[in-house]
Amino acid sequence: MVAAEDSPSEDEPSEEELMKLSYQIYHYINVMQGPQCQAVFELGPVADFQDPFEDPDELGQHMLSKYSEWTFFLTPDGEDIDHQLFLQEDIQELVFDDSVNTVLSTAPDFPKVSLMGQRPVKNCNLYLAPNIPAKKLNNGISNDRFRVNGMFKETDVFAILDEKTAIFAPKNGLMITNLGVFWRGHWQYGGLPWRIGDSSMTGVCTMDGPMGTNSLAVVIDDEFILPIGGLGVVYEPEMEYIAALMSGMMEIANEQHYSSR
């Protein structure tokens, strides 16, 4: 892309930068199992699904042309979250109001699963505001668990989800905040806002993985899938609950946006 004076524009990425970004997007989408999530979202579970973007440039250019504002939030190869992105004027803040309080205060106990007739068990721990333990809350916002150091106050966090571990303190998990959803998976950190300008999260889809694992993905504008990884082994009722909670927050964020216009 060249400006009228035949010199690169400061506002537009160079051809080399576009190519690099295209490959970053392709790597992120495929490593995070994006094509499979897209198949589940569009077609329902299928045995075989061919990635429509075999050429990394095609996927990168597609996302850059329709969802360019979201591309810069992706964190491929374990890169840190760019905190400054969440400070932009067109990033929506989800305000804690009666509707948010209702979703959190009326939530049932986290579902348990009975395995082979044994005592019901659960494989995740969920903490909802205002009853998130102080140690858990401080861990989520002050250290590098989600790599969001300094971004949030305690009152900005609505929910924290931990992968259950037998011995060690949980590392993988999900944090729902006033600015969006942040996660830590087996190889991936990341965060996505509720809304960027006129484009927003509109839904959640899940996908079964090997040995009881599950993956989550958010739907952008009812069309594009951005996977956010998995939390290890998560029982189906737990995953349904997590998806319902996230979807509820997305609906509130969109309602708040349109009511303020």
C-alpha atoms as a PDB file:
ATOM      1  CA  MET A   1       0.000   0.000   0.000  1.00  0.00           C
ATOM      2  CA  VAL A   2       1.580   3.274  -1.134  1.00  0.00           C
ATOM      3  CA  ALA A   3       0.533   6.852  -0.509  1.00  0.00           C
ATOM      4  CA  ALA A   4       0.037   9.384  -3.280  1.00  0.00           C
ATOM      5  CA  GLU A   5       3.654  10.501  -2.951  1.00  0.00           C
ATOM      6  CA  ASP A   6       4.785   6.912  -3.589  1.00  0.00           C
ATOM      7  CA  SER A   7       5.940   6.572  -0.006  1.00  0.00           C
ATOM      8  CA  PRO A   8       4.464   4.260   2.665  1.00  0.00           C
ATOM      9  CA  SER A   9       1.636   5.837   4.665  1.00  0.00           C
ATOM     10  CA  GLU A  10       2.153   6.104   8.409  1.00  0.00           C
ATOM     11  CA  ASP A  11      -1.466   5.060   8.945  1.00  0.00           C
ATOM     12  CA  GLU A  12      -1.409   1.939   6.797  1.00  0.00           C
ATOM     13  CA  PRO A  13       0.681  -1.210   7.277  1.00  0.00           C
ATOM     14  CA  SER A  14       3.263  -1.998   4.646  1.00  0.00           C
ATOM     15  CA  GLU A  15       2.914  -5.003   2.371  1.00  0.00           C
ATOM     16  CA  GLU A  16       5.496  -6.822   4.472  1.00  0.00           C
ATOM     17  CA  GLU A  17       3.581  -6.028   7.675  1.00  0.00           C
ATOM     18  CA  LEU A  18       0.323  -7.204   6.083  1.00  0.00           C
ATOM     19  CA  MET A  19       1.917 -10.502   5.093  1.00  0.00           C
ATOM     20  CA  LYS A  20       3.308 -11.001   8.597  1.00  0.00           C
ATOM     21  CA  LEU A  21      -0.064 -10.211  10.152  1.00  0.00           C
ATOM     22  CA  SER A  22      -1.800 -12.606   7.758  1.00  0.00           C
ATOM     23  CA  TYR A  23       0.442 -15.439   8.870  1.00  0.00           C
ATOM     24  CA  GLN A  24      -0.041 -14.512  12.523  1.00  0.00           C
ATOM     25  CA  ILE A  25      -3.805 -14.685  12.084  1.00  0.00           C
ATOM     26  CA  TYR A  26      -3.601 -17.986  10.225  1.00  0.00           C
ATOM     27  CA  HIS A  27      -1.358 -19.454  12.915  1.00  0.00           C
ATOM     28  CA  TYR A  28      -3.628 -18.258  15.724  1.00  0.00           C
ATOM     29  CA  ILE A  29      -6.856 -19.484  14.140  1.00  0.00           C
ATOM     30  CA  ASN A  30      -5.468 -22.906  13.297  1.00  0.00           C
ATOM     31  CA  VAL A  31      -3.525 -23.532  16.495  1.00  0.00           C
ATOM     32  CA  MET A  32      -6.629 -22.582  18.467  1.00  0.00           C
ATOM     33  CA  GLN A  33      -8.739 -25.004  16.393  1.00  0.00           C
ATOM     34  CA  GLY A  34     -10.653 -22.279  14.616  1.00  0.00           C
ATOM     35  CA  PRO A  35     -11.718 -24.289  11.542  1.00  0.00           C
ATOM     36  CA  GLN A  36     -13.321 -26.974  13.706  1.00  0.00           C
ATOM     37  CA  CYS A  37     -15.146 -24.350  15.781  1.00  0.00           C
ATOM     38  CA  GLN A  38     -16.370 -22.745  12.561  1.00  0.00           C
ATOM     39  CA  ALA A  39     -17.705 -26.113  11.412  1.00  0.00           C
ATOM     40  CA  VAL A  40     -19.596 -26.629  14.662  1.00  0.00           C
ATOM     41  CA  PHE A  41     -21.028 -23.113  14.475  1.00  0.00           C
ATOM     42  CA  GLU A  42     -22.106 -23.243  10.827  1.00  0.00           C
ATOM     43  CA  LEU A  43     -22.825 -26.899  10.160  1.00  0.00           C
ATOM     44  CA  GLY A  44     -23.150 -28.674  13.460  1.00  0.00           C
ATOM     45  CA  PRO A  45     -20.684 -31.443  14.406  1.00  0.00           C
ATOM     46  CA  VAL A  46     -19.259 -33.019  11.280  1.00  0.00           C
ATOM     47  CA  ALA A  47     -16.759 -35.778  10.677  1.00  0.00           C
ATOM     48  CA  ASP A  48     -14.715 -33.956   8.067  1.00  0.00           C
ATOM     49  CA  PHE A  49     -14.286 -30.253   7.627  1.00  0.00           C
ATOM     50  CA  GLN A  50     -11.971 -28.629   5.135  1.00  0.00           C
ATOM     51  CA  ASP A  51     -10.448 -25.299   6.095  1.00  0.00           C
ATOM     52  CA  PRO A  52     -11.726 -22.891   3.407  1.00  0.00           C
ATOM     53  CA  PHE A  53      -8.552 -20.841   3.789  1.00  0.00           C
ATOM     54  CA  GLU A  54      -5.760 -23.177   2.784  1.00  0.00           C
ATOM     55  CA  ASP A  55      -3.602 -20.197   1.884  1.00  0.00           C
ATOM     56  CA  PRO A  56      -2.623 -18.198   5.006  1.00  0.00           C
ATOM     57  CA  ASP A  57      -2.864 -14.997   2.973  1.00  0.00           C
ATOM     58  CA  GLU A  58      -6.532 -15.687   2.183  1.00  0.00           C
ATOM     59  CA  LEU A  59      -7.545 -16.056   5.825  1.00  0.00           C
ATOM     60  CA  GLY A  60      -5.444 -13.096   6.869  1.00  0.00           C
ATOM     61  CA  GLN A  61      -6.816 -10.867   4.124  1.00  0.00           C
ATOM     62  CA  HIS A  62     -10.394 -11.955   4.881  1.00  0.00           C
ATOM     63  CA  MET A  63     -10.043 -11.043   8.524  1.00  0.00           C
ATOM     64  CA  LEU A  64      -8.203  -7.831   7.748  1.00  0.00           C
ATOM     65  CA  SER A  65     -10.920  -6.768   5.320  1.00  0.00           C
ATOM     66  CA  LYS A  66     -13.915  -7.535   7.578  1.00  0.00           C
ATOM     67  CA  TYR A  67     -12.584  -7.703  11.123  1.00  0.00           C
ATOM     68  CA  SER A  68      -9.399  -5.686  11.089  1.00  0.00           C
ATOM     69  CA  GLU A  69     -10.166  -4.101  14.460  1.00  0.00           C
ATOM     70  CA  TRP A  70     -10.075  -7.527  16.140  1.00  0.00           C
ATOM     71  CA  THR A  71      -6.819  -8.765  14.627  1.00  0.00           C
ATOM     72  CA  PHE A  72      -4.602  -6.742  16.904  1.00  0.00           C
ATOM     73  CA  PHE A  73      -6.088  -8.370  20.021  1.00  0.00           C
ATOM     74  CA  LEU A  74      -4.899 -11.840  19.002  1.00  0.00           C
ATOM     75  CA  THR A  75      -1.878 -13.081  20.920  1.00  0.00           C
ATOM     76  CA  PRO A  76      -0.192 -15.832  18.878  1.00  0.00           C
ATOM     77  CA  ASP A  77       2.793 -17.777  20.192  1.00  0.00           C
ATOM     78  CA  GLY A  78       2.149 -16.850  23.812  1.00  0.00           C
ATOM     79  CA  GLU A  79       2.748 -13.134  23.321  1.00  0.00           C
ATOM     80  CA  ASP A  80       1.652 -10.745  26.048  1.00  0.00           C
ATOM     81  CA  ILE A  81      -1.648  -8.878  25.863  1.00  0.00           C
ATOM     82  CA  ASP A  82      -1.307  -5.303  24.652  1.00  0.00           C
ATOM     83  CA  HIS A  83      -2.970  -3.384  27.488  1.00  0.00           C
ATOM     84  CA  GLN A  84      -3.159  -0.173  25.480  1.00  0.00           C
ATOM     85  CA  LEU A  85      -5.623  -1.743  23.043  1.00  0.00           C
ATOM     86  CA  PHE A  86      -8.249  -1.916  25.792  1.00  0.00           C
ATOM     87  CA  LEU A  87      -7.922   1.811  26.490  1.00  0.00           C
ATOM     88  CA  GLN A  88      -9.165   2.904  23.077  1.00  0.00           C
ATOM     89  CA  GLU A  89     -12.280   5.081  22.961  1.00  0.00           C
ATOM     90  CA  ASP A  90     -14.312   2.580  20.922  1.00  0.00           C
ATOM     91  CA  ILE A  91     -13.824  -0.254  23.444  1.00  0.00           C
ATOM     92  CA  GLN A  92     -17.038  -0.815  25.375  1.00  0.00           C
ATOM     93  CA  GLU A  93     -17.103  -1.117  29.140  1.00  0.00           C
ATOM     94  CA  LEU A  94     -19.740  -3.440  30.572  1.00  0.00           C
ATOM     95  CA  VAL A  95     -21.249  -1.489  33.467  1.00  0.00           C
ATOM     96  CA  PHE A  96     -22.206  -3.434  36.570  1.00  0.00           C
ATOM     97  CA  ASP A  97     -25.947  -2.779  36.830  1.00  0.00           C
ATOM     98  CA  ASP A  98     -29.062  -4.613  38.023  1.00  0.00           C
ATOM     99  CA  SER A  99     -29.032  -6.970  35.048  1.00  0.00           C
ATOM    100  CA  VAL A 100     -25.433  -8.037  35.692  1.00  0.00           C
ATOM    101  CA  ASN A 101     -26.169  -8.405  39.389  1.00  0.00           C
ATOM    102  CA  THR A 102     -29.202 -10.559  38.603  1.00  0.00           C
ATOM    103  CA  VAL A 103     -27.179 -12.902  36.371  1.00  0.00           C
ATOM    104  CA  LEU A 104     -24.524 -13.324  39.044  1.00  0.00           C
ATOM    105  CA  SER A 105     -26.744 -13.448  42.142  1.00  0.00           C
ATOM    106  CA  THR A 106     -29.283 -15.909  40.749  1.00  0.00           C
ATOM    107  CA  ALA A 107     -26.722 -18.314  39.309  1.00  0.00           C
ATOM    108  CA  PRO A 108     -27.234 -21.902  40.510  1.00  0.00           C
ATOM    109  CA  ASP A 109     -24.463 -23.976  42.003  1.00  0.00           C
ATOM    110  CA  PHE A 110     -21.933 -25.135  39.479  1.00  0.00           C
ATOM    111  CA  PRO A 111     -23.270 -28.381  38.005  1.00  0.00           C
ATOM    112  CA  LYS A 112     -21.776 -31.689  39.034  1.00  0.00           C
ATOM    113  CA  VAL A 113     -21.486 -34.897  37.074  1.00  0.00           C
ATOM    114  CA  SER A 114     -22.042 -38.424  38.367  1.00  0.00           C
ATOM    115  CA  LEU A 115     -19.336 -40.680  36.967  1.00  0.00           C
ATOM    116  CA  MET A 116     -20.153 -44.390  36.718  1.00  0.00           C
ATOM    117  CA  GLY A 117     -22.552 -44.211  39.632  1.00  0.00           C
ATOM    118  CA  GLN A 118     -20.001 -42.639  41.937  1.00  0.00           C
ATOM    119  CA  ARG A 119     -20.364 -39.488  44.013  1.00  0.00           C
ATOM    120  CA  PRO A 120     -21.085 -36.431  41.813  1.00  0.00           C
ATOM    121  CA  VAL A 121     -17.923 -34.487  41.010  1.00  0.00           C
ATOM    122  CA  LYS A 122     -16.983 -31.295  39.224  1.00  0.00           C
ATOM    123  CA  ASN A 123     -13.878 -30.432  37.264  1.00  0.00           C
ATOM    124  CA  CYS A 124     -13.962 -26.624  37.423  1.00  0.00           C
ATOM    125  CA  ASN A 125     -14.327 -24.043  40.161  1.00  0.00           C
ATOM    126  CA  LEU A 126     -16.325 -20.895  39.452  1.00  0.00           C
ATOM    127  CA  TYR A 127     -16.283 -17.741  41.566  1.00  0.00           C
ATOM    128  CA  LEU A 128     -18.820 -14.947  41.024  1.00  0.00           C
ATOM    129  CA  ALA A 129     -18.763 -11.341  42.240  1.00  0.00           C
ATOM    130  CA  PRO A 130     -19.149 -10.121  44.904  1.00  0.00           C
ATOM    131  CA  ASN A 131     -18.172 -13.473  46.461  1.00  0.00           C
ATOM    132  CA  ILE A 132     -14.815 -14.010  44.753  1.00  0.00           C
ATOM    133  CA  PRO A 133     -12.239 -14.813  47.480  1.00  0.00           C
ATOM    134  CA  ALA A 134      -9.802 -11.928  47.942  1.00  0.00           C
ATOM    135  CA  LYS A 135      -6.756 -14.123  47.330  1.00  0.00           C
ATOM    136  CA  LYS A 136      -8.270 -15.493  44.133  1.00  0.00           C
ATOM    137  CA  LEU A 137      -9.257 -12.026  42.962  1.00  0.00           C
ATOM    138  CA  ASN A 138      -5.864 -10.475  43.678  1.00  0.00           C
ATOM    139  CA  ASN A 139      -4.175 -13.361  41.909  1.00  0.00           C
ATOM    140  CA  GLY A 140      -6.294 -12.730  38.827  1.00  0.00           C
ATOM    141  CA  ILE A 141      -5.632  -9.007  38.557  1.00  0.00           C
ATOM    142  CA  SER A 142      -2.208  -8.408  40.049  1.00  0.00           C
ATOM    143  CA  ASN A 143       0.181 -11.059  38.765  1.00  0.00           C
ATOM    144  CA  ASP A 144       0.846 -12.599  35.399  1.00  0.00           C
ATOM    145  CA  ARG A 145      -1.754 -15.347  35.534  1.00  0.00           C
ATOM    146  CA  PHE A 146      -3.790 -13.677  32.794  1.00  0.00           C
ATOM    147  CA  ARG A 147      -1.083 -11.101  32.030  1.00  0.00           C
ATOM    148  CA  VAL A 148      -3.365  -8.176  32.853  1.00  0.00           C
ATOM    149  CA  ASN A 149      -1.173  -6.505  35.471  1.00  0.00           C
ATOM    150  CA  GLY A 150      -2.560  -3.113  36.439  1.00  0.00           C
ATOM    151  CA  MET A 151      -5.542  -3.211  34.078  1.00  0.00           C
ATOM    152  CA  PHE A 152      -8.301  -3.850  36.613  1.00  0.00           C
ATOM    153  CA  LYS A 153      -9.618  -2.928  40.011  1.00  0.00           C
ATOM    154  CA  GLU A 154     -11.252  -5.611  42.157  1.00  0.00           C
ATOM    155  CA  THR A 155     -14.723  -4.308  41.280  1.00  0.00           C
ATOM    156  CA  ASP A 156     -13.991  -4.723  37.548  1.00  0.00           C
ATOM    157  CA  VAL A 157     -13.964  -8.534  37.803  1.00  0.00           C
ATOM    158  CA  PHE A 158     -17.331 -10.306  37.560  1.00  0.00           C
ATOM    159  CA  ALA A 159     -16.280 -13.964  37.463  1.00  0.00           C
ATOM    160  CA  ILE A 160     -13.203 -16.196  37.632  1.00  0.00           C
ATOM    161  CA  LEU A 161     -13.175 -19.781  36.438  1.00  0.00           C
ATOM    162  CA  ASP A 162     -10.410 -22.170  37.499  1.00  0.00           C
ATOM    163  CA  GLU A 163      -9.433 -25.474  36.029  1.00  0.00           C
ATOM    164  CA  LYS A 164      -9.520 -27.921  38.928  1.00  0.00           C
ATOM    165  CA  THR A 165      -6.182 -29.475  39.830  1.00  0.00           C
ATOM    166  CA  ALA A 166      -5.389 -32.208  42.327  1.00  0.00           C
ATOM    167  CA  ILE A 167      -2.179 -30.784  43.793  1.00  0.00           C
ATOM    168  CA  PHE A 168      -1.013 -27.490  42.343  1.00  0.00           C
ATOM    169  CA  ALA A 169      -2.712 -24.100  42.311  1.00  0.00           C
ATOM    170  CA  PRO A 170      -4.703 -23.746  39.086  1.00  0.00           C
ATOM    171  CA  LYS A 171      -3.126 -21.791  36.265  1.00  0.00           C
ATOM    172  CA  ASN A 172      -5.516 -22.293  33.378  1.00  0.00           C
ATOM    173  CA  GLY A 173      -8.779 -20.434  33.588  1.00  0.00           C
ATOM    174  CA  LEU A 174     -11.082 -17.679  32.444  1.00  0.00           C
ATOM    175  CA  MET A 175     -11.790 -14.204  33.819  1.00  0.00           C
ATOM    176  CA  ILE A 176     -14.879 -12.171  32.916  1.00  0.00           C
ATOM    177  CA  THR A 177     -14.429  -8.434  33.425  1.00  0.00           C
ATOM    178  CA  ASN A 178     -15.963  -5.069  32.610  1.00  0.00           C
ATOM    179  CA  LEU A 179     -13.808  -4.824  29.459  1.00  0.00           C
ATOM    180  CA  GLY A 180     -14.124  -8.358  28.137  1.00  0.00           C
ATOM    181  CA  VAL A 181     -13.025 -11.956  28.530  1.00  0.00           C
ATOM    182  CA  PHE A 182      -9.474 -12.986  29.410  1.00  0.00           C
ATOM    183  CA  TRP A 183      -8.117 -16.506  29.441  1.00  0.00           C
ATOM    184  CA  ARG A 184      -5.132 -18.708  30.017  1.00  0.00           C
ATOM    185  CA  GLY A 185      -4.990 -22.095  28.334  1.00  0.00           C
ATOM    186  CA  HIS A 186      -2.332 -24.750  27.993  1.00  0.00           C
ATOM    187  CA  TRP A 187      -0.300 -22.680  25.532  1.00  0.00           C
ATOM    188  CA  GLN A 188      -2.184 -19.447  25.102  1.00  0.00           C
ATOM    189  CA  TYR A 189      -2.864 -16.188  26.882  1.00  0.00           C
ATOM    190  CA  GLY A 190      -5.402 -13.783  25.495  1.00  0.00           C
ATOM    191  CA  GLY A 191      -8.157 -11.265  25.924  1.00  0.00           C
ATOM    192  CA  LEU A 192     -10.983  -9.928  23.773  1.00  0.00           C
ATOM    193  CA  PRO A 193     -13.258  -6.934  24.425  1.00  0.00           C
ATOM    194  CA  TRP A 194     -17.048  -7.095  24.452  1.00  0.00           C
ATOM    195  CA  ARG A 195     -17.280  -4.584  21.639  1.00  0.00           C
ATOM    196  CA  ILE A 196     -15.066  -2.549  19.332  1.00  0.00           C
ATOM    197  CA  GLY A 197     -17.082   0.268  17.793  1.00  0.00           C
ATOM    198  CA  ASP A 198     -19.976  -1.290  15.874  1.00  0.00           C
ATOM    199  CA  SER A 199     -18.559  -4.827  16.027  1.00  0.00           C
ATOM    200  CA  SER A 200     -19.177  -7.043  19.041  1.00  0.00           C
ATOM    201  CA  MET A 201     -19.203 -10.492  20.579  1.00  0.00           C
ATOM    202  CA  THR A 202     -22.592 -12.034  19.912  1.00  0.00           C
ATOM    203  CA  GLY A 203     -22.314 -15.641  21.039  1.00  0.00           C
ATOM    204  CA  VAL A 204     -20.295 -18.612  22.232  1.00  0.00           C
ATOM    205  CA  CYS A 205     -19.694 -22.021  20.699  1.00  0.00           C
ATOM    206  CA  THR A 206     -17.950 -25.059  22.164  1.00  0.00           C
ATOM    207  CA  MET A 207     -16.197 -28.057  20.712  1.00  0.00           C
ATOM    208  CA  ASP A 208     -15.381 -31.457  22.195  1.00  0.00           C
ATOM    209  CA  GLY A 209     -11.736 -32.403  22.170  1.00  0.00           C
ATOM    210  CA  PRO A 210      -9.722 -35.545  22.959  1.00  0.00           C
ATOM    211  CA  MET A 211      -9.947 -37.286  26.353  1.00  0.00           C
ATOM    212  CA  GLY A 212     -12.791 -35.144  27.660  1.00  0.00           C
ATOM    213  CA  THR A 213     -11.291 -31.773  26.847  1.00  0.00           C
ATOM    214  CA  ASN A 214     -13.412 -28.927  25.511  1.00  0.00           C
ATOM    215  CA  SER A 215     -12.635 -25.728  23.651  1.00  0.00           C
ATOM    216  CA  LEU A 216     -14.414 -22.374  23.663  1.00  0.00           C
ATOM    217  CA  ALA A 217     -14.791 -19.818  20.915  1.00  0.00           C
ATOM    218  CA  VAL A 218     -16.573 -16.483  20.751  1.00  0.00           C
ATOM    219  CA  VAL A 219     -18.694 -15.445  17.782  1.00  0.00           C
ATOM    220  CA  ILE A 220     -18.149 -11.981  16.339  1.00  0.00           C
ATOM    221  CA  ASP A 221     -21.149 -10.268  14.697  1.00  0.00           C
ATOM    222  CA  ASP A 222     -22.997 -13.620  14.402  1.00  0.00           C
ATOM    223  CA  GLU A 223     -20.530 -14.650  11.722  1.00  0.00           C
ATOM    224  CA  PHE A 224     -16.842 -14.951  12.518  1.00  0.00           C
ATOM    225  CA  ILE A 225     -15.318 -17.364  15.037  1.00  0.00           C
ATOM    226  CA  LEU A 226     -12.425 -16.444  17.296  1.00  0.00           C
ATOM    227  CA  PRO A 227     -11.321 -19.456  19.392  1.00  0.00           C
ATOM    228  CA  ILE A 228     -10.090 -18.793  22.927  1.00  0.00           C
ATOM    229  CA  GLY A 229      -8.757 -22.242  23.719  1.00  0.00           C
ATOM    230  CA  GLY A 230      -9.705 -24.759  26.361  1.00  0.00           C
ATOM    231  CA  LEU A 231      -9.520 -25.343  30.086  1.00  0.00           C
ATOM    232  CA  GLY A 232      -8.479 -28.958  30.045  1.00  0.00           C
ATOM    233  CA  VAL A 233     -11.033 -31.584  31.006  1.00  0.00           C
ATOM    234  CA  VAL A 234     -14.398 -29.852  31.466  1.00  0.00           C
ATOM    235  CA  TYR A 235     -17.589 -31.850  31.880  1.00  0.00           C
ATOM    236  CA  GLU A 236     -20.370 -31.088  29.409  1.00  0.00           C
ATOM    237  CA  PRO A 237     -22.791 -29.557  31.973  1.00  0.00           C
ATOM    238  CA  GLU A 238     -19.967 -27.321  33.170  1.00  0.00           C
ATOM    239  CA  MET A 239     -19.163 -26.170  29.644  1.00  0.00           C
ATOM    240  CA  GLU A 240     -22.837 -25.454  28.968  1.00  0.00           C
ATOM    241  CA  TYR A 241     -22.983 -23.338  32.108  1.00  0.00           C
ATOM    242  CA  ILE A 242     -19.805 -21.423  31.197  1.00  0.00           C
ATOM    243  CA  ALA A 243     -21.113 -20.732  27.698  1.00  0.00           C
ATOM    244  CA  ALA A 244     -24.479 -19.586  29.085  1.00  0.00           C
ATOM    245  CA  LEU A 245     -22.781 -17.207  31.524  1.00  0.00           C
ATOM    246  CA  MET A 246     -20.615 -15.697  28.794  1.00  0.00           C
ATOM    247  CA  SER A 247     -23.582 -15.390  26.443  1.00  0.00           C
ATOM    248  CA  GLY A 248     -25.597 -13.637  29.142  1.00  0.00           C
ATOM    249  CA  MET A 249     -22.838 -11.073  29.641  1.00  0.00           C
ATOM    250  CA  MET A 250     -22.611 -10.504  25.894  1.00  0.00           C
ATOM    251  CA  GLU A 251     -26.348  -9.850  25.693  1.00  0.00           C
ATOM    252  CA  ILE A 252     -26.139  -7.332  28.534  1.00  0.00           C
ATOM    253  CA  ALA A 253     -23.162  -5.606  26.907  1.00  0.00           C
ATOM    254  CA  ASN A 254     -25.083  -5.238  23.653  1.00  0.00           C
ATOM    255  CA  GLU A 255     -28.221  -4.035  25.447  1.00  0.00           C
ATOM    256  CA  GLN A 256     -26.215  -1.423  27.311  1.00  0.00           C
ATOM    257  CA  HIS A 257     -24.584  -0.276  24.083  1.00  0.00           C
ATOM    258  CA  TYR A 258     -27.836   0.232  22.187  1.00  0.00           C
ATOM    259  CA  SER A 259     -29.679   1.785  25.128  1.00  0.00           C
ATOM    260  CA  SER A 260     -26.969   4.431  25.445  1.00  0.00           C
ATOM    261  CA  ARG A 261     -27.216   5.590  21.829  1.00  0.00           C
END
